[in-house]
Protein backbone atom coordinates (compact mmCIF):
# COMPACT_ATOMS: atom_id res chain seq x y z
CA MET A 1 64.74 87.91 104.08
CA ARG A 2 67.92 87.15 102.12
CA GLU A 3 70.48 84.80 103.60
CA GLN A 4 73.89 86.15 104.54
CA ILE A 5 77.36 85.24 105.76
CA LEU A 6 78.65 87.42 108.58
CA ILE A 7 82.35 88.37 108.56
CA LEU A 8 83.87 89.56 111.83
CA ASP A 9 86.85 91.84 111.16
CA PHE A 10 89.98 91.62 113.35
CA GLY A 11 91.99 94.16 111.34
CA SER A 12 93.18 92.09 108.39
CA GLN A 13 94.22 93.85 105.22
CA TYR A 14 92.38 91.07 103.36
CA THR A 15 88.96 91.36 105.04
CA GLN A 16 87.33 93.10 102.07
CA LEU A 17 88.72 90.37 99.82
CA ILE A 18 86.91 87.72 101.88
CA ALA A 19 83.64 89.58 101.34
CA ARG A 20 84.24 89.94 97.63
CA ARG A 21 85.02 86.24 97.23
CA VAL A 22 81.87 85.23 99.12
CA ARG A 23 79.75 87.55 96.98
CA GLU A 24 81.30 86.03 93.86
CA LEU A 25 79.64 82.82 95.05
CA SER A 26 76.24 84.59 94.78
CA VAL A 27 75.89 84.82 98.55
CA TYR A 28 75.38 88.16 100.29
CA CYS A 29 77.74 88.93 103.18
CA GLU A 30 78.46 91.79 105.55
CA ILE A 31 81.59 92.86 107.43
CA GLN A 32 81.21 93.88 111.05
CA PRO A 33 83.89 94.85 113.60
CA CYS A 34 84.73 92.07 116.06
CA THR A 35 83.86 94.49 118.86
CA ARG A 36 80.15 94.39 117.97
CA ASN A 37 77.82 92.25 120.06
CA TRP A 38 77.40 89.27 117.75
CA ARG A 39 73.83 88.67 118.99
CA GLU A 40 72.83 92.10 117.61
CA ILE A 41 74.21 91.47 114.13
CA THR A 42 73.08 87.87 113.59
CA GLY A 43 69.65 86.41 113.12
CA ALA A 44 67.63 83.80 111.26
CA HIS A 45 69.05 85.11 107.96
CA THR A 46 72.65 84.46 109.08
CA LYS A 47 73.88 81.15 107.70
CA GLY A 48 77.47 81.21 108.90
CA VAL A 49 80.28 83.29 110.41
CA ILE A 50 83.81 83.92 109.13
CA LEU A 51 86.49 85.23 111.50
CA SER A 52 89.04 87.27 109.54
CA GLY A 53 92.78 87.38 109.99
CA GLY A 54 94.56 90.20 111.76
CA PRO A 55 98.01 91.58 112.67
CA SER A 56 97.83 90.80 116.40
CA SER A 57 98.89 87.88 118.58
CA VAL A 58 96.26 86.35 120.85
CA TYR A 59 98.69 86.84 123.76
CA GLU A 60 99.21 90.57 123.25
CA ASN A 61 97.62 93.01 125.68
CA GLY A 62 94.55 94.50 124.07
CA SER A 63 94.49 92.02 121.19
CA PRO A 64 91.04 91.84 119.55
CA SER A 65 88.69 89.10 120.69
CA VAL A 66 85.09 88.01 120.40
CA ASP A 67 82.41 86.92 122.83
CA PRO A 68 83.18 83.21 123.55
CA ALA A 69 79.40 82.63 123.57
CA LEU A 70 79.59 82.78 119.77
CA PHE A 71 81.02 79.26 119.86
CA GLU A 72 78.05 78.06 121.90
CA SER A 73 75.70 79.07 119.08
CA ASP A 74 74.69 76.80 116.24
CA PHE A 75 76.40 78.84 113.50
CA PRO A 76 78.96 77.20 111.22
CA ILE A 77 82.25 79.07 111.72
CA LEU A 78 85.40 79.45 109.64
CA GLY A 79 88.43 81.02 111.32
CA ILE A 80 91.12 82.37 108.97
CA CYS A 81 94.70 82.88 110.26
CA TYR A 82 94.25 85.05 113.40
CA GLY A 83 90.61 83.94 113.45
CA MET A 84 91.78 80.32 113.73
CA GLN A 85 94.28 81.19 116.45
CA LEU A 86 91.59 83.04 118.41
CA MET A 87 89.21 80.07 118.10
CA THR A 88 91.96 77.77 119.42
CA HIS A 89 92.86 80.13 122.27
CA LEU A 90 89.25 80.68 123.44
CA LEU A 91 88.28 77.02 123.14
CA GLY A 92 91.17 75.61 125.16
CA GLY A 93 93.75 74.72 122.51
CA LYS A 94 97.37 75.85 122.45
CA VAL A 95 98.77 78.70 120.38
CA GLY A 96 102.47 79.55 120.44
CA PRO A 97 105.10 81.53 118.56
CA TYR A 98 106.88 79.63 115.81
CA PRO A 99 110.68 80.07 115.54
CA LYS A 100 110.41 80.90 111.85
CA ARG A 101 107.69 83.28 110.70
CA GLU A 102 105.72 81.79 107.81
CA PHE A 103 104.99 84.42 105.18
CA GLY A 104 104.26 84.02 101.48
CA ARG A 105 103.60 80.94 99.37
CA ALA A 106 103.67 77.62 101.17
CA ARG A 107 102.76 73.98 100.54
CA VAL A 108 100.05 72.41 102.67
CA GLU A 109 99.54 68.67 102.98
CA ILE A 110 95.85 67.81 103.32
CA ASP A 111 95.71 64.71 105.52
CA ASP A 112 91.94 64.35 105.33
CA PRO A 113 90.17 65.92 102.28
CA VAL A 114 86.75 66.33 103.92
CA GLY A 115 84.49 69.29 104.65
CA ILE A 116 85.99 72.48 103.24
CA PHE A 117 88.75 70.42 101.57
CA LEU A 118 86.37 68.22 99.63
CA GLY A 119 87.81 67.77 96.15
CA SER A 120 91.40 68.49 97.18
CA GLN A 121 94.15 66.32 95.71
CA GLY A 122 96.05 66.37 99.02
CA ASP A 123 98.75 68.94 98.23
CA GLU A 124 97.80 72.62 98.03
CA THR A 125 99.67 75.87 97.33
CA VAL A 126 98.49 78.52 99.78
CA TRP A 127 99.38 81.99 101.04
CA MET A 128 100.60 82.20 104.64
CA SER A 129 101.07 85.31 106.77
CA HIS A 130 101.59 84.53 110.47
CA GLY A 131 104.06 84.41 113.33
CA ASP A 132 102.10 82.35 115.86
CA THR A 133 100.99 78.82 115.09
CA ILE A 134 98.58 76.19 116.42
CA GLU A 135 100.48 73.73 118.58
CA GLU A 136 97.45 71.77 119.73
CA PRO A 137 93.81 71.98 118.52
CA PRO A 138 91.15 72.67 121.14
CA PRO A 139 89.18 69.76 122.62
CA GLY A 140 86.67 68.38 120.11
CA TYR A 141 88.75 69.46 117.10
CA ARG A 142 91.22 67.53 114.97
CA ALA A 143 93.92 68.53 112.48
CA LEU A 144 93.13 68.26 108.78
CA ALA A 145 96.34 69.67 107.25
CA ARG A 146 99.93 70.63 108.00
CA SER A 147 102.74 72.66 106.49
CA GLU A 148 106.43 73.15 107.20
CA GLY A 149 105.69 76.02 109.58
CA SER A 150 102.29 74.89 110.87
CA PRO A 151 101.82 71.44 112.41
CA VAL A 152 98.10 72.27 112.44
CA ALA A 153 97.51 74.24 109.22
CA ALA A 154 93.79 73.40 109.30
CA MET A 155 91.38 71.91 111.83
CA MET A 156 87.76 70.77 112.03
CA SER A 157 85.28 70.22 114.83
CA GLU A 158 83.97 66.70 115.36
CA ASP A 159 80.52 67.65 114.02
CA GLY A 160 82.06 69.08 110.82
CA ARG A 161 80.54 72.57 111.24
CA ARG A 162 83.52 74.54 112.61
CA TYR A 163 86.83 75.02 110.76
CA GLY A 164 90.07 76.88 111.17
CA ILE A 165 92.72 77.44 108.51
CA GLN A 166 96.12 79.06 109.00
CA PHE A 167 96.35 80.37 105.43
CA HIS A 168 94.34 82.90 103.40
CA PRO A 169 91.90 81.36 100.90
CA GLU A 170 90.66 84.78 99.78
CA VAL A 171 93.86 85.87 97.99
CA ALA A 172 94.78 84.96 94.42
CA HIS A 173 98.00 83.33 95.68
CA THR A 174 95.88 80.46 97.06
CA PRO A 175 94.74 78.93 93.72
CA ARG A 176 91.99 76.73 95.19
CA GLY A 177 90.93 79.25 97.81
CA LYS A 178 87.63 79.96 96.11
CA GLU A 179 86.76 76.24 96.15
CA ILE A 180 87.49 76.13 99.89
CA LEU A 181 85.19 79.10 100.48
CA HIS A 182 82.58 77.53 98.20
CA ASN A 183 82.61 74.35 100.28
CA PHE A 184 82.16 76.35 103.48
CA VAL A 185 79.47 78.71 102.19
CA HIS A 186 77.42 76.24 100.18
CA ARG A 187 78.11 72.78 101.65
CA ILE A 188 78.65 73.60 105.32
CA CYS A 189 76.41 76.68 105.70
CA GLY A 190 73.82 75.50 103.18
CA CYS A 191 73.51 78.82 101.32
CA ALA A 192 71.38 78.65 98.18
CA GLY A 193 73.49 81.18 96.27
CA ASP A 194 70.56 83.19 94.94
CA TRP A 195 71.95 86.69 95.56
CA THR A 196 72.25 88.25 92.10
CA MET A 197 72.55 91.81 90.88
CA ARG A 198 69.01 91.66 89.52
CA SER A 199 67.71 90.59 92.95
CA PHE A 200 69.72 93.40 94.56
CA ILE A 201 68.21 95.98 92.21
CA GLU A 202 64.70 94.75 92.92
CA GLU A 203 65.28 94.95 96.69
CA ALA A 204 66.93 98.38 96.44
CA VAL A 205 64.09 99.80 94.34
CA GLU A 206 61.50 98.56 96.84
CA ARG A 207 63.47 100.02 99.79
CA ILE A 208 63.68 103.41 98.07
CA ARG A 209 59.94 103.43 97.40
CA VAL A 210 59.16 102.67 101.03
CA GLN A 211 61.68 105.24 102.33
CA VAL A 212 60.64 108.10 100.04
CA GLY A 213 56.90 107.55 99.85
CA PRO A 214 55.25 110.34 97.82
CA ARG A 215 58.07 112.86 98.37
CA ARG A 216 60.82 114.21 96.10
CA VAL A 217 64.54 113.46 95.84
CA VAL A 218 67.51 115.43 94.57
CA CYS A 219 70.74 113.81 93.36
CA GLY A 220 74.09 115.40 92.54
CA LEU A 221 75.03 113.83 89.21
CA SER A 222 78.69 114.08 88.15
CA GLY A 223 78.57 111.61 85.29
CA GLY A 224 80.79 109.22 87.24
CA VAL A 225 79.90 105.57 87.79
CA ASP A 226 78.62 105.86 91.38
CA SER A 227 76.36 108.88 90.96
CA SER A 228 75.06 107.64 87.60
CA VAL A 229 74.04 104.21 88.93
CA THR A 230 72.53 105.84 92.03
CA ALA A 231 70.44 108.15 89.87
CA MET A 232 69.20 105.32 87.66
CA LEU A 233 68.20 103.21 90.69
CA VAL A 234 66.27 106.07 92.27
CA LYS A 235 64.65 106.90 88.93
CA GLU A 236 63.46 103.30 88.60
CA ALA A 237 61.92 103.56 92.07
CA ILE A 238 60.18 106.96 91.99
CA GLY A 239 60.26 108.16 88.38
CA GLU A 240 59.86 111.89 87.77
CA ARG A 241 60.00 112.78 91.46
CA LEU A 242 63.80 112.57 91.14
CA THR A 243 65.71 115.65 89.97
CA CYS A 244 69.42 115.37 89.19
CA ILE A 245 71.66 118.41 89.35
CA PHE A 246 74.76 118.31 87.15
CA VAL A 247 77.15 121.06 88.24
CA ASP A 248 79.45 121.84 85.31
CA ASN A 249 82.60 123.32 86.86
CA GLY A 250 84.50 123.81 83.60
CA LEU A 251 87.19 121.43 84.85
CA LEU A 252 85.97 118.25 83.18
CA ARG A 253 87.53 116.29 80.33
CA LYS A 254 87.06 117.58 76.81
CA ASN A 255 83.39 117.45 75.75
CA GLU A 256 82.47 115.60 78.97
CA ALA A 257 79.74 118.03 80.00
CA GLU A 258 78.05 117.58 76.63
CA GLN A 259 78.36 113.78 76.96
CA VAL A 260 76.70 113.78 80.40
CA VAL A 261 73.79 115.86 79.11
CA GLU A 262 73.47 113.70 76.00
CA THR A 263 73.54 110.45 78.02
CA PHE A 264 71.10 111.49 80.76
CA GLY A 265 69.08 114.32 79.28
CA ASP A 266 66.38 111.96 77.99
CA ARG A 267 66.65 109.43 80.84
CA LEU A 268 66.49 111.72 83.87
CA ASN A 269 64.95 114.98 85.00
CA LEU A 270 68.32 116.75 84.64
CA VAL A 271 69.29 120.28 85.61
CA HIS A 272 72.52 121.33 83.87
CA ALA A 273 74.08 124.12 85.94
CA ASP A 274 76.92 125.63 83.90
CA ALA A 275 78.97 127.37 86.57
CA SER A 276 82.36 127.13 84.84
CA GLY A 277 82.84 130.89 85.02
CA GLU A 278 82.31 130.94 88.79
CA PHE A 279 84.77 128.12 89.38
CA LEU A 280 87.50 129.58 87.18
CA SER A 281 87.09 133.01 88.77
CA ALA A 282 87.42 131.48 92.26
CA LEU A 283 90.63 129.71 91.20
CA ARG A 284 92.31 132.80 89.80
CA GLY A 285 95.74 133.18 91.40
CA VAL A 286 95.41 129.97 93.45
CA THR A 287 98.33 127.56 93.05
CA HIS A 288 98.22 125.34 96.13
CA PRO A 289 96.33 122.05 95.58
CA GLU A 290 94.53 122.04 98.92
CA ALA A 291 93.44 125.63 98.42
CA LYS A 292 92.12 124.64 94.98
CA ARG A 293 90.07 121.84 96.53
CA LYS A 294 88.59 124.16 99.15
CA ARG A 295 87.64 126.82 96.61
CA ILE A 296 86.02 124.21 94.35
CA GLY A 297 84.13 122.68 97.28
CA GLU A 298 82.81 126.08 98.36
CA ILE A 299 81.59 126.99 94.88
CA PHE A 300 80.00 123.57 94.42
CA ILE A 301 78.01 124.02 97.64
CA ARG A 302 76.91 127.47 96.52
CA VAL A 303 75.77 126.31 93.09
CA PHE A 304 74.11 123.12 94.35
CA GLU A 305 72.31 125.09 97.07
CA ARG A 306 71.08 127.63 94.52
CA GLU A 307 69.76 124.99 92.11
CA ALA A 308 68.24 122.80 94.84
CA GLY A 309 66.47 125.85 96.27
CA ARG A 310 64.65 126.31 92.99
CA LEU A 311 63.09 122.85 93.20
CA GLY A 312 60.81 123.64 96.10
CA ASP A 313 60.06 121.11 98.82
CA VAL A 314 62.74 118.39 98.52
CA LYS A 315 63.20 115.98 101.44
CA PHE A 316 65.87 113.52 100.30
CA LEU A 317 69.38 113.58 98.88
CA ALA A 318 70.61 110.52 96.93
CA GLN A 319 74.33 109.87 96.92
CA GLY A 320 76.64 107.09 95.77
CA THR A 321 78.16 105.85 99.03
CA LEU A 322 79.83 102.48 98.42
CA TYR A 323 80.43 99.57 100.79
CA PRO A 324 84.18 100.28 101.22
CA ASP A 325 83.21 103.72 102.61
CA VAL A 326 80.96 102.04 105.16
CA ILE A 327 83.51 99.36 106.05
CA GLU A 328 86.30 101.87 106.60
CA SER A 329 84.14 103.77 109.07
CA ILE A 330 83.08 100.76 111.15
CA SER A 331 85.76 98.06 110.87
CA PHE A 332 87.92 97.15 113.85
CA LYS A 333 91.00 98.59 112.19
CA GLY A 334 91.31 98.23 108.45
CA PRO A 335 94.06 97.95 105.88
CA SER A 336 96.31 100.55 107.51
CA ALA A 337 95.28 99.98 111.14
CA THR A 338 93.35 103.26 111.11
CA ILE A 339 89.68 104.16 111.12
CA LYS A 340 88.47 106.46 108.37
CA SER A 341 85.53 108.69 109.14
CA HIS A 342 82.78 108.22 106.59
CA HIS A 343 81.51 111.42 105.00
CA ASN A 344 77.72 111.32 104.74
CA VAL A 345 77.38 114.22 102.35
CA GLY A 346 80.37 115.38 100.34
CA GLY A 347 80.57 118.95 101.57
CA LEU A 348 76.87 119.82 101.59
CA PRO A 349 75.84 122.17 104.43
CA LYS A 350 74.21 120.51 107.43
CA TRP A 351 71.39 123.05 107.49
CA MET A 352 69.96 121.60 104.28
CA ARG A 353 68.52 118.85 106.52
CA LEU A 354 68.05 116.34 103.72
CA ALA A 355 67.57 112.68 104.61
CA LEU A 356 70.04 110.43 102.81
CA ILE A 357 69.29 107.75 100.27
CA GLU A 358 72.35 105.54 99.72
CA PRO A 359 71.23 102.62 97.55
CA LEU A 360 74.79 101.47 96.77
CA ARG A 361 76.10 101.30 100.33
CA GLU A 362 76.07 97.48 100.17
CA LEU A 363 78.11 97.22 96.94
CA PHE A 364 81.76 97.16 95.93
CA LYS A 365 82.90 99.11 92.86
CA ASP A 366 82.82 96.12 90.51
CA GLU A 367 79.31 95.29 91.72
CA VAL A 368 78.21 98.89 91.04
CA ARG A 369 79.36 98.48 87.44
CA GLU A 370 77.43 95.22 87.21
CA ALA A 371 74.33 97.01 88.51
CA GLY A 372 74.87 99.74 85.94
CA GLU A 373 74.94 97.16 83.17
CA GLU A 374 71.65 95.71 84.45
CA LEU A 375 70.18 99.22 84.39
CA GLY A 376 71.27 99.79 80.80
CA LEU A 377 74.04 102.36 81.26
CA PRO A 378 76.57 102.49 78.40
CA ARG A 379 79.86 100.59 78.82
CA GLU A 380 81.89 103.73 78.05
CA MET A 381 80.47 105.43 81.14
CA LEU A 382 80.62 102.41 83.46
CA TRP A 383 84.22 101.54 82.68
CA ARG A 384 85.75 104.95 82.22
CA HIS A 385 88.90 105.71 84.16
CA PRO A 386 88.66 107.26 87.66
CA PHE A 387 88.55 111.04 87.70
CA PRO A 388 89.41 113.31 90.66
CA GLY A 389 86.60 115.22 92.39
CA PRO A 390 88.24 118.65 91.82
CA GLY A 391 88.61 117.73 88.15
CA LEU A 392 91.45 119.05 86.04
CA ALA A 393 92.27 121.67 88.68
CA VAL A 394 94.61 119.16 90.33
CA ARG A 395 96.12 118.14 86.99
CA VAL A 396 96.89 121.72 86.01
CA LEU A 397 99.85 122.24 88.31
CA GLY A 398 100.15 125.85 89.38
CA GLU A 399 97.52 128.46 88.54
CA VAL A 400 94.33 127.27 86.86
CA THR A 401 93.23 129.44 83.96
CA GLU A 402 90.76 128.86 81.15
CA LYS A 403 93.63 128.74 78.65
CA ARG A 404 95.65 126.19 80.64
CA VAL A 405 92.56 124.01 81.22
CA LYS A 406 91.82 124.01 77.48
CA THR A 407 95.43 123.08 76.73
CA LEU A 408 95.24 120.14 79.12
CA GLN A 409 91.83 119.04 77.82
CA GLU A 410 93.18 118.87 74.26
CA ALA A 411 96.32 116.96 75.25
CA ASP A 412 94.41 114.56 77.52
CA ALA A 413 91.87 113.85 74.78
CA ILE A 414 94.65 112.92 72.36
CA PHE A 415 96.17 110.54 74.92
CA ILE A 416 92.86 108.79 75.63
CA GLU A 417 91.92 108.68 71.96
CA THR A 418 95.23 107.01 71.09
CA LEU A 419 94.84 104.46 73.90
CA ARG A 420 91.43 103.52 72.52
CA LYS A 421 92.76 103.35 68.98
CA HIS A 422 95.45 100.85 70.02
CA ASP A 423 93.09 98.86 72.29
CA HIS A 424 94.90 99.87 75.48
CA TYR A 425 92.24 101.99 77.24
CA TYR A 426 90.67 99.08 79.13
CA LYS A 427 94.07 97.49 79.82
CA VAL A 428 95.07 100.24 82.24
CA TRP A 429 93.42 101.35 85.47
CA GLN A 430 93.84 105.06 84.82
CA ALA A 431 95.49 107.28 82.24
CA PHE A 432 95.70 111.07 82.01
CA ALA A 433 97.86 114.07 81.22
CA VAL A 434 99.32 116.62 83.66
CA LEU A 435 100.18 120.18 82.64
CA LEU A 436 103.36 121.22 84.43
CA PRO A 437 104.17 124.74 85.65
CA VAL A 438 107.46 124.46 83.76
CA ASN A 439 108.46 125.96 80.42
CA THR A 440 111.15 124.27 78.38
CA VAL A 441 113.20 125.27 75.35
CA GLY A 442 112.20 123.73 72.04
CA VAL A 443 112.59 124.22 68.32
CA MET A 444 109.61 124.20 65.95
CA GLY A 445 110.53 124.80 62.33
CA ASP A 446 113.28 127.39 62.40
CA ALA A 447 111.95 129.13 65.50
CA ARG A 448 112.99 128.68 69.10
CA THR A 449 110.11 128.06 71.51
CA TYR A 450 109.74 128.35 75.26
CA GLU A 451 106.50 126.56 76.14
CA ASN A 452 104.86 124.12 78.55
CA ALA A 453 106.06 120.66 79.45
CA LEU A 454 103.36 118.02 79.80
CA ALA A 455 103.51 114.65 81.60
CA LEU A 456 101.60 111.50 80.70
CA ARG A 457 100.57 109.07 83.43
CA ALA A 458 99.14 105.55 82.94
CA VAL A 459 98.97 102.92 85.68
CA THR A 460 97.80 99.37 86.18
CA SER A 461 96.02 98.47 89.42
CA GLN A 462 93.30 96.35 90.97
CA ASP A 463 91.79 98.89 93.34
CA GLY A 464 93.93 102.03 93.26
CA MET A 465 95.51 101.28 96.66
CA THR A 466 98.76 100.29 94.93
CA ALA A 467 99.67 100.89 91.29
CA ASP A 468 102.42 100.19 88.81
CA TRP A 469 103.23 102.31 85.77
CA ALA A 470 101.80 100.85 82.58
CA ARG A 471 104.33 99.48 80.08
CA LEU A 472 102.75 101.15 77.07
CA PRO A 473 104.33 100.38 73.69
CA ALA A 474 107.01 102.85 72.63
CA ASP A 475 105.31 103.40 69.27
CA LEU A 476 102.06 104.35 71.06
CA LEU A 477 103.85 106.88 73.29
CA ALA A 478 105.71 108.28 70.27
CA GLU A 479 102.41 108.77 68.45
CA VAL A 480 100.84 110.52 71.46
CA SER A 481 103.85 112.79 71.93
CA SER A 482 104.00 113.71 68.25
CA ARG A 483 100.30 114.51 68.06
CA ILE A 484 100.27 116.60 71.25
CA ILE A 485 103.30 118.68 70.26
CA ASN A 486 101.97 119.23 66.72
CA GLU A 487 98.28 119.76 67.56
CA VAL A 488 98.20 121.40 71.02
CA ARG A 489 99.43 124.97 70.96
CA GLY A 490 101.57 125.80 73.98
CA VAL A 491 103.17 122.37 74.56
CA ASN A 492 106.66 121.61 73.23
CA ARG A 493 107.75 118.69 75.44
CA VAL A 494 106.05 115.46 76.58
CA VAL A 495 107.39 113.12 79.31
CA TYR A 496 106.10 109.78 80.65
CA ASP A 497 105.78 109.09 84.39
CA VAL A 498 107.36 105.73 85.37
CA SER A 499 106.89 105.92 89.16
CA THR A 500 104.87 103.40 91.18
CA LYS A 501 102.45 103.80 94.07
CA PRO A 502 103.91 103.67 96.63
CA PRO A 503 106.17 105.60 96.95
CA GLY A 504 104.43 107.97 94.54
CA THR A 505 100.70 108.56 94.18
CA ILE A 506 98.60 108.13 91.07
CA GLU A 507 97.62 111.80 90.88
CA TRP A 508 100.47 114.30 90.98
CA GLU A 509 99.03 116.81 93.43
CA ARG A 510 98.50 115.73 97.01
CA VAL A 511 98.87 117.45 100.40
CA GLU A 512 100.40 115.50 103.27
CA SER A 513 98.95 116.06 106.73
CA LYS A 514 102.42 116.33 108.31
CA GLU A 515 103.16 119.56 106.51
CA SER A 516 103.08 122.85 108.43
CA GLN A 517 100.45 125.40 107.47
CA ALA A 518 100.38 129.20 107.42
CA ILE A 519 98.17 131.93 106.01
CA ASN A 520 99.29 134.28 103.26
CA PRO A 521 98.44 137.68 104.82
CA ILE A 522 98.07 139.30 101.40
CA GLY A 523 95.68 136.97 99.59
CA LYS A 524 94.33 135.14 102.66
CA GLU A 525 95.12 131.97 100.74
CA GLU A 526 96.13 128.93 102.75
CA ILE A 527 99.67 127.81 101.90
CA THR A 528 101.43 124.65 103.04
CA PHE A 529 105.15 124.39 103.74
CA SER A 530 107.45 121.44 104.44
CA PHE A 531 110.65 121.74 106.46
CA SER A 532 113.43 119.19 106.17
CA SER A 533 114.88 120.11 109.58
CA PRO A 534 113.96 122.26 112.60
CA THR A 535 116.34 124.98 111.44
CA GLY A 536 115.60 124.62 107.73
CA PHE A 537 114.12 127.22 105.42
CA CYS A 538 111.22 126.91 103.02
CA ARG A 539 110.62 129.08 99.97
CA TYR A 540 107.35 130.13 98.35
CA PRO A 541 107.26 132.63 95.44
CA GLY A 542 108.00 136.02 96.95
CA TRP A 543 108.43 134.69 100.51
CA ARG A 544 111.11 133.10 102.64
CA PHE A 545 110.24 131.37 105.93
CA SER A 546 112.19 129.70 108.65
CA ARG A 547 110.46 127.37 111.09
CA ARG A 548 111.26 129.76 113.95
CA SER A 549 109.97 132.89 112.20
CA LEU A 550 106.85 131.05 111.00
CA LEU A 551 105.95 130.02 114.53
CA ARG A 552 106.70 133.47 115.94
CA ARG A 553 104.85 135.36 113.20
CA ARG A 554 102.02 132.92 112.53
CA ALA A 555 99.33 135.60 112.37
CA GLY A 556 101.47 138.38 110.94
CA LYS A 557 103.45 139.08 107.82
CA PRO A 558 106.34 136.60 107.48
CA ARG A 559 109.90 137.85 107.36
CA ILE A 560 111.16 138.32 103.78
């Protein structure tokens, strides 16, 4: 059984970062909510426990805690920020509010460079984020470090197996944070550091074989990183008893369907279901982004159901659930102090009664790519930019037609091709084009034109949670604009999006949950409206609503 470090989550925005840093040390770790019974989630394979930070104060009503019996166990423990304060509070030390909140970069003086601080030069730059501070360590503990805002910035138990630190070693702003975690994981906990991607693949393949036995598996293959690596893992485990269904919705990038078939046609038992006509027909006249998503989801279910039904007796469905999906559904709070429900099957009907195979549910995105490299998938597929589930339907603003999709495909292909040519494709997180429902005046030759405007979007990011617009060279953008206007019929203006996330989003089309919803009584299409005030009006092509009339006439024809 592989060794592991257990991380108890108290709601810190950095909890996933702790896990990623530990795994970078070739040690497997898992995140569990602090509310879990620690006896149920630890065992002989557990080598140590890390208590994460969190936004609470130990003195607040309802603040998260942990069973004090944890500290009576023999596990090495590292408390980070709130985790340190909770250790101090439960073990009889003194925690109190500090007059000046310590947030951001700080200098820590290491008074005794032992244990987790082995190798320190005595003065460290760290990242602080706390209001409370340790005034007095608990009995049996002594201070190891101090800062301007923390008289006890780090502490250690007398036996050298329990530590608390007021700062965050997992963030990049603590330069020697990885060395501190290395000392804890390897020196204090005694982990061998033998968890590699090759060992993960071997374990995953064996688990799949045991789970599936002699039966058959179906996998929805999109050509994206997660589904592709999932398919290759299952194929390695059960061979030809895996069938992958690639639903071609006609909303992919230019030539992408052909690339998926070319890449996997000889590697996998692949069913290519070209349903582009069905999807485009279902989207005719639909302009609202949420309505587009629903139509696409419904058609996908229909097509997948039809193709899966032709395979006969299939018992398992393989899907690319990742560890962040699992964490967000079980953690105490999470980055935004909310709990996200994990979707087991992305829209598949419950009556299909297929048991799930989720071989990637222990991996982060970068680890999935590493697994893909081990399995021999091409770099171009593993490192391609993220692509929305509904495809280009949410990048064609307004009505989606075959002509408008083709226009966007051509323009987007020119943008990506130029980024690759100038060695900028892998320097940005995501880049794409958006076809706007706006016509602008232009002049081509001696003729006046009135054609589509198109927006380019390129962002830099670490994980997509926040993003900044990419500072692409002006000459590159000029080349892209010139090529699109000259080569793509129907586009006479190109603009570049320079907004960040937040306040914007990476994709242009998104529906906020706070918006009010109504039903179009003519087309039965769901439409969403936003009101700026209780007495305000909202317009939709051909309709005029007030909040009062919408509420009064919810099921009937709105007042015009």
